[in-house]
Amino acid sequence: MGRIKTTLIKRTANALVKKYPDKFAEDFESNKKSIEEIAEIPSKKLRNVIAGCITRLTKKQKLAE
């Protein structure tokens, strides 16, 4: 089983993807850098978890298309 993402992580990831859909890709490293530019996240761990969630969201969207 995987780790469960908290509501804060999911809500933030969904909001960022809706607001900036063209900034994110299926690559974790590029998503980390995009989040640094866009949002002010207080910790590195939180930024990485949000970037991972966004990576999963973009991969799901690509498969759905």
PDB file of N, CA and C in Angstrom:
ATOM      1  N   MET A   1       0.837  -1.178   0.000  1.00  0.00           N
ATOM      2  CA  MET A   1       0.000   0.000   0.000  1.00  0.00           C
ATOM      3  C   MET A   1       0.883   1.243   0.000  1.00  0.00           C
ATOM      4  N   GLY A   2       0.359   2.280  -0.630  1.00  0.00           N
ATOM      5  CA  GLY A   2       1.096   3.538  -0.670  1.00  0.00           C
ATOM      6  C   GLY A   2       0.743   4.435   0.496  1.00  0.00           C
ATOM      7  N   ARG A   3       1.429   5.542   0.556  1.00  0.00           N
ATOM      8  CA  ARG A   3       1.147   6.515   1.609  1.00  0.00           C
ATOM      9  C   ARG A   3      -0.067   7.344   1.203  1.00  0.00           C
ATOM     10  N   ILE A   4      -0.881   7.678   2.152  1.00  0.00           N
ATOM     11  CA  ILE A   4      -2.090   8.444   1.895  1.00  0.00           C
ATOM     12  C   ILE A   4      -1.750   9.932   1.974  1.00  0.00           C
ATOM     13  N   LYS A   5      -2.167  10.677   0.961  1.00  0.00           N
ATOM     14  CA  LYS A   5      -1.928  12.110   0.926  1.00  0.00           C
ATOM     15  C   LYS A   5      -2.991  12.831   1.756  1.00  0.00           C
ATOM     16  N   THR A   6      -2.590  13.850   2.487  1.00  0.00           N
ATOM     17  CA  THR A   6      -3.538  14.596   3.305  1.00  0.00           C
ATOM     18  C   THR A   6      -4.372  15.527   2.432  1.00  0.00           C
ATOM     19  N   THR A   7      -5.424  16.067   3.024  1.00  0.00           N
ATOM     20  CA  THR A   7      -6.311  16.963   2.303  1.00  0.00           C
ATOM     21  C   THR A   7      -5.564  18.214   1.852  1.00  0.00           C
ATOM     22  N   LEU A   8      -4.659  18.720   2.671  1.00  0.00           N
ATOM     23  CA  LEU A   8      -3.872  19.900   2.310  1.00  0.00           C
ATOM     24  C   LEU A   8      -3.073  19.656   1.035  1.00  0.00           C
ATOM     25  N   ILE A   9      -2.447  18.494   0.942  1.00  0.00           N
ATOM     26  CA  ILE A   9      -1.631  18.158  -0.236  1.00  0.00           C
ATOM     27  C   ILE A   9      -2.512  18.071  -1.473  1.00  0.00           C
ATOM     28  N   LYS A  10      -3.610  17.333  -1.374  1.00  0.00           N
ATOM     29  CA  LYS A  10      -4.502  17.151  -2.524  1.00  0.00           C
ATOM     30  C   LYS A  10      -5.116  18.467  -2.970  1.00  0.00           C
ATOM     31  N   ARG A  11      -5.561  19.262  -2.009  1.00  0.00           N
ATOM     32  CA  ARG A  11      -6.203  20.537  -2.336  1.00  0.00           C
ATOM     33  C   ARG A  11      -5.216  21.484  -3.009  1.00  0.00           C
ATOM     34  N   THR A  12      -4.008  21.557  -2.489  1.00  0.00           N
ATOM     35  CA  THR A  12      -2.989  22.432  -3.064  1.00  0.00           C
ATOM     36  C   THR A  12      -2.596  21.970  -4.462  1.00  0.00           C
ATOM     37  N   ALA A  13      -2.401  20.679  -4.626  1.00  0.00           N
ATOM     38  CA  ALA A  13      -2.013  20.134  -5.933  1.00  0.00           C
ATOM     39  C   ALA A  13      -3.101  20.386  -6.965  1.00  0.00           C
ATOM     40  N   ASN A  14      -4.347  20.124  -6.614  1.00  0.00           N
ATOM     41  CA  ASN A  14      -5.443  20.351  -7.552  1.00  0.00           C
ATOM     42  C   ASN A  14      -5.578  21.827  -7.913  1.00  0.00           C
ATOM     43  N   ALA A  15      -5.423  22.707  -6.939  1.00  0.00           N
ATOM     44  CA  ALA A  15      -5.531  24.145  -7.201  1.00  0.00           C
ATOM     45  C   ALA A  15      -4.417  24.612  -8.141  1.00  0.00           C
ATOM     46  N   LEU A  16      -3.193  24.144  -7.913  1.00  0.00           N
ATOM     47  CA  LEU A  16      -2.083  24.547  -8.772  1.00  0.00           C
ATOM     48  C   LEU A  16      -2.240  24.023 -10.195  1.00  0.00           C
ATOM     49  N   VAL A  17      -2.724  22.796 -10.336  1.00  0.00           N
ATOM     50  CA  VAL A  17      -2.908  22.220 -11.675  1.00  0.00           C
ATOM     51  C   VAL A  17      -4.020  22.955 -12.423  1.00  0.00           C
ATOM     52  N   LYS A  18      -5.083  23.327 -11.709  1.00  0.00           N
ATOM     53  CA  LYS A  18      -6.164  24.073 -12.358  1.00  0.00           C
ATOM     54  C   LYS A  18      -5.720  25.471 -12.766  1.00  0.00           C
ATOM     55  N   LYS A  19      -4.948  26.128 -11.911  1.00  0.00           N
ATOM     56  CA  LYS A  19      -4.535  27.504 -12.171  1.00  0.00           C
ATOM     57  C   LYS A  19      -3.437  27.592 -13.227  1.00  0.00           C
ATOM     58  N   TYR A  20      -2.491  26.640 -13.190  1.00  0.00           N
ATOM     59  CA  TYR A  20      -1.358  26.650 -14.120  1.00  0.00           C
ATOM     60  C   TYR A  20      -1.236  25.300 -14.826  1.00  0.00           C
ATOM     61  N   PRO A  21      -2.155  24.950 -15.710  1.00  0.00           N
ATOM     62  CA  PRO A  21      -2.092  23.614 -16.327  1.00  0.00           C
ATOM     63  C   PRO A  21      -0.899  23.422 -17.264  1.00  0.00           C
ATOM     64  N   ASP A  22      -0.404  24.503 -17.865  1.00  0.00           N
ATOM     65  CA  ASP A  22       0.703  24.370 -18.815  1.00  0.00           C
ATOM     66  C   ASP A  22       2.077  24.339 -18.155  1.00  0.00           C
ATOM     67  N   LYS A  23       2.166  24.615 -16.850  1.00  0.00           N
ATOM     68  CA  LYS A  23       3.452  24.646 -16.147  1.00  0.00           C
ATOM     69  C   LYS A  23       3.940  23.266 -15.718  1.00  0.00           C
ATOM     70  N   PHE A  24       3.044  22.285 -15.649  1.00  0.00           N
ATOM     71  CA  PHE A  24       3.404  20.990 -15.082  1.00  0.00           C
ATOM     72  C   PHE A  24       3.456  19.906 -16.148  1.00  0.00           C
ATOM     73  N   ALA A  25       4.363  18.937 -15.931  1.00  0.00           N
ATOM     74  CA  ALA A  25       4.553  17.829 -16.863  1.00  0.00           C
ATOM     75  C   ALA A  25       4.548  16.519 -16.086  1.00  0.00           C
ATOM     76  N   GLU A  26       4.899  15.440 -16.765  1.00  0.00           N
ATOM     77  CA  GLU A  26       4.942  14.129 -16.121  1.00  0.00           C
ATOM     78  C   GLU A  26       6.285  13.873 -15.434  1.00  0.00           C
ATOM     79  N   ASP A  27       7.130  14.876 -15.349  1.00  0.00           N
ATOM     80  CA  ASP A  27       8.461  14.748 -14.766  1.00  0.00           C
ATOM     81  C   ASP A  27       8.494  15.394 -13.381  1.00  0.00           C
ATOM     82  N   PHE A  28       8.896  14.635 -12.378  1.00  0.00           N
ATOM     83  CA  PHE A  28       8.924  15.101 -10.996  1.00  0.00           C
ATOM     84  C   PHE A  28       9.873  16.278 -10.804  1.00  0.00           C
ATOM     85  N   GLU A  29      11.063  16.199 -11.381  1.00  0.00           N
ATOM     86  CA  GLU A  29      12.073  17.250 -11.191  1.00  0.00           C
ATOM     87  C   GLU A  29      11.603  18.587 -11.757  1.00  0.00           C
ATOM     88  N   SER A  30      10.992  18.563 -12.935  1.00  0.00           N
ATOM     89  CA  SER A  30      10.508  19.826 -13.515  1.00  0.00           C
ATOM     90  C   SER A  30       9.323  20.368 -12.721  1.00  0.00           C
ATOM     91  N   ASN A  31       8.509  19.494 -12.156  1.00  0.00           N
ATOM     92  CA  ASN A  31       7.391  19.941 -11.330  1.00  0.00           C
ATOM     93  C   ASN A  31       7.885  20.598 -10.041  1.00  0.00           C
ATOM     94  N   LYS A  32       8.967  20.066  -9.457  1.00  0.00           N
ATOM     95  CA  LYS A  32       9.560  20.677  -8.263  1.00  0.00           C
ATOM     96  C   LYS A  32       9.995  22.112  -8.556  1.00  0.00           C
ATOM     97  N   LYS A  33      10.660  22.304  -9.673  1.00  0.00           N
ATOM     98  CA  LYS A  33      11.143  23.633 -10.031  1.00  0.00           C
ATOM     99  C   LYS A  33       9.985  24.574 -10.337  1.00  0.00           C
ATOM    100  N   SER A  34       8.947  24.071 -10.968  1.00  0.00           N
ATOM    101  CA  SER A  34       7.779  24.900 -11.280  1.00  0.00           C
ATOM    102  C   SER A  34       7.080  25.357 -10.002  1.00  0.00           C
ATOM    103  N   ILE A  35       6.977  24.475  -9.032  1.00  0.00           N
ATOM    104  CA  ILE A  35       6.328  24.832  -7.765  1.00  0.00           C
ATOM    105  C   ILE A  35       7.142  25.903  -7.042  1.00  0.00           C
ATOM    106  N   GLU A  36       8.469  25.809  -7.094  1.00  0.00           N
ATOM    107  CA  GLU A  36       9.315  26.825  -6.461  1.00  0.00           C
ATOM    108  C   GLU A  36       9.048  28.201  -7.056  1.00  0.00           C
ATOM    109  N   GLU A  37       8.852  28.263  -8.376  1.00  0.00           N
ATOM    110  CA  GLU A  37       8.613  29.529  -9.050  1.00  0.00           C
ATOM    111  C   GLU A  37       7.213  30.069  -8.761  1.00  0.00           C
ATOM    112  N   ILE A  38       6.234  29.192  -8.707  1.00  0.00           N
ATOM    113  CA  ILE A  38       4.832  29.610  -8.607  1.00  0.00           C
ATOM    114  C   ILE A  38       4.409  29.909  -7.179  1.00  0.00           C
ATOM    115  N   ALA A  39       4.621  28.959  -6.289  1.00  0.00           N
ATOM    116  CA  ALA A  39       4.062  29.048  -4.938  1.00  0.00           C
ATOM    117  C   ALA A  39       5.171  29.204  -3.893  1.00  0.00           C
ATOM    118  N   GLU A  40       4.787  29.708  -2.754  1.00  0.00           N
ATOM    119  CA  GLU A  40       5.719  29.832  -1.635  1.00  0.00           C
ATOM    120  C   GLU A  40       5.399  28.726  -0.631  1.00  0.00           C
ATOM    121  N   ILE A  41       6.094  27.617  -0.752  1.00  0.00           N
ATOM    122  CA  ILE A  41       5.891  26.459   0.110  1.00  0.00           C
ATOM    123  C   ILE A  41       6.923  26.532   1.239  1.00  0.00           C
ATOM    124  N   PRO A  42       6.489  26.405   2.505  1.00  0.00           N
ATOM    125  CA  PRO A  42       7.398  26.620   3.631  1.00  0.00           C
ATOM    126  C   PRO A  42       8.510  25.578   3.806  1.00  0.00           C
ATOM    127  N   SER A  43       8.301  24.342   3.384  1.00  0.00           N
ATOM    128  CA  SER A  43       9.336  23.329   3.610  1.00  0.00           C
ATOM    129  C   SER A  43       9.623  22.540   2.335  1.00  0.00           C
ATOM    130  N   LYS A  44      10.823  21.978   2.290  1.00  0.00           N
ATOM    131  CA  LYS A  44      11.239  21.198   1.131  1.00  0.00           C
ATOM    132  C   LYS A  44      10.436  19.910   1.028  1.00  0.00           C
ATOM    133  N   LYS A  45      10.165  19.270   2.156  1.00  0.00           N
ATOM    134  CA  LYS A  45       9.419  18.015   2.142  1.00  0.00           C
ATOM    135  C   LYS A  45       8.005  18.229   1.614  1.00  0.00           C
ATOM    136  N   LEU A  46       7.356  19.284   2.055  1.00  0.00           N
ATOM    137  CA  LEU A  46       6.004  19.584   1.596  1.00  0.00           C
ATOM    138  C   LEU A  46       6.001  19.868   0.092  1.00  0.00           C
ATOM    139  N   ARG A  47       6.999  20.609  -0.376  1.00  0.00           N
ATOM    140  CA  ARG A  47       7.116  20.884  -1.814  1.00  0.00           C
ATOM    141  C   ARG A  47       7.265  19.593  -2.604  1.00  0.00           C
ATOM    142  N   ASN A  48       8.091  18.672  -2.112  1.00  0.00           N
ATOM    143  CA  ASN A  48       8.319  17.418  -2.820  1.00  0.00           C
ATOM    144  C   ASN A  48       7.069  16.550  -2.856  1.00  0.00           C
ATOM    145  N   VAL A  49       6.319  16.519  -1.760  1.00  0.00           N
ATOM    146  CA  VAL A  49       5.097  15.712  -1.724  1.00  0.00           C
ATOM    147  C   VAL A  49       4.058  16.286  -2.688  1.00  0.00           C
ATOM    148  N   ILE A  50       3.947  17.609  -2.721  1.00  0.00           N
ATOM    149  CA  ILE A  50       3.004  18.249  -3.647  1.00  0.00           C
ATOM    150  C   ILE A  50       3.435  17.996  -5.091  1.00  0.00           C
ATOM    151  N   ALA A  51       4.730  18.068  -5.361  1.00  0.00           N
ATOM    152  CA  ALA A  51       5.236  17.804  -6.712  1.00  0.00           C
ATOM    153  C   ALA A  51       4.941  16.365  -7.136  1.00  0.00           C
ATOM    154  N   GLY A  52       5.087  15.426  -6.218  1.00  0.00           N
ATOM    155  CA  GLY A  52       4.764  14.034  -6.528  1.00  0.00           C
ATOM    156  C   GLY A  52       3.287  13.845  -6.810  1.00  0.00           C
ATOM    157  N   CYS A  53       2.452  14.511  -6.054  1.00  0.00           N
ATOM    158  CA  CYS A  53       1.005  14.421  -6.267  1.00  0.00           C
ATOM    159  C   CYS A  53       0.630  15.018  -7.628  1.00  0.00           C
ATOM    160  N   ILE A  54       1.248  16.136  -7.974  1.00  0.00           N
ATOM    161  CA  ILE A  54       0.985  16.761  -9.278  1.00  0.00           C
ATOM    162  C   ILE A  54       1.465  15.867 -10.404  1.00  0.00           C
ATOM    163  N   THR A  55       2.599  15.204 -10.210  1.00  0.00           N
ATOM    164  CA  THR A  55       3.111  14.279 -11.223  1.00  0.00           C
ATOM    165  C   THR A  55       2.119  13.153 -11.470  1.00  0.00           C
ATOM    166  N   ARG A  56       1.560  12.612 -10.395  1.00  0.00           N
ATOM    167  CA  ARG A  56       0.562  11.549 -10.539  1.00  0.00           C
ATOM    168  C   ARG A  56      -0.693  12.058 -11.240  1.00  0.00           C
ATOM    169  N   LEU A  57      -1.120  13.274 -10.891  1.00  0.00           N
ATOM    170  CA  LEU A  57      -2.309  13.853 -11.520  1.00  0.00           C
ATOM    171  C   LEU A  57      -2.113  14.040 -13.023  1.00  0.00           C
ATOM    172  N   THR A  58      -0.947  14.546 -13.419  1.00  0.00           N
ATOM    173  CA  THR A  58      -0.707  14.776 -14.852  1.00  0.00           C
ATOM    174  C   THR A  58      -0.614  13.462 -15.611  1.00  0.00           C
ATOM    175  N   LYS A  59      -0.034  12.438 -14.977  1.00  0.00           N
ATOM    176  CA  LYS A  59       0.024  11.129 -15.638  1.00  0.00           C
ATOM    177  C   LYS A  59      -1.379  10.546 -15.824  1.00  0.00           C
ATOM    178  N   LYS A  60      -2.234  10.709 -14.811  1.00  0.00           N
ATOM    179  CA  LYS A  60      -3.618  10.234 -14.927  1.00  0.00           C
ATOM    180  C   LYS A  60      -4.366  10.963 -16.032  1.00  0.00           C
ATOM    181  N   GLN A  61      -4.140  12.262 -16.143  1.00  0.00           N
ATOM    182  CA  GLN A  61      -4.811  13.052 -17.165  1.00  0.00           C
ATOM    183  C   GLN A  61      -4.366  12.623 -18.562  1.00  0.00           C
ATOM    184  N   LYS A  62      -3.094  12.317 -18.722  1.00  0.00           N
ATOM    185  CA  LYS A  62      -2.582  11.881 -20.021  1.00  0.00           C
ATOM    186  C   LYS A  62      -3.177  10.528 -20.410  1.00  0.00           C
ATOM    187  N   LEU A  63      -3.328   9.627 -19.437  1.00  0.00           N
ATOM    188  CA  LEU A  63      -3.907   8.319 -19.727  1.00  0.00           C
ATOM    189  C   LEU A  63      -5.393   8.432 -20.076  1.00  0.00           C
ATOM    190  N   ALA A  64      -6.090   9.380 -19.458  1.00  0.00           N
ATOM    191  CA  ALA A  64      -7.527   9.542 -19.700  1.00  0.00           C
ATOM    192  C   ALA A  64      -7.784  10.083 -21.099  1.00  0.00           C
ATOM    193  N   GLU A  65      -6.817  10.816 -21.658  1.00  0.00           N
ATOM    194  CA  GLU A  65      -7.023  11.402 -22.996  1.00  0.00           C
ATOM    195  C   GLU A  65      -6.836  10.430 -24.107  1.00  0.00           C
TER     196      GLU A  65
END
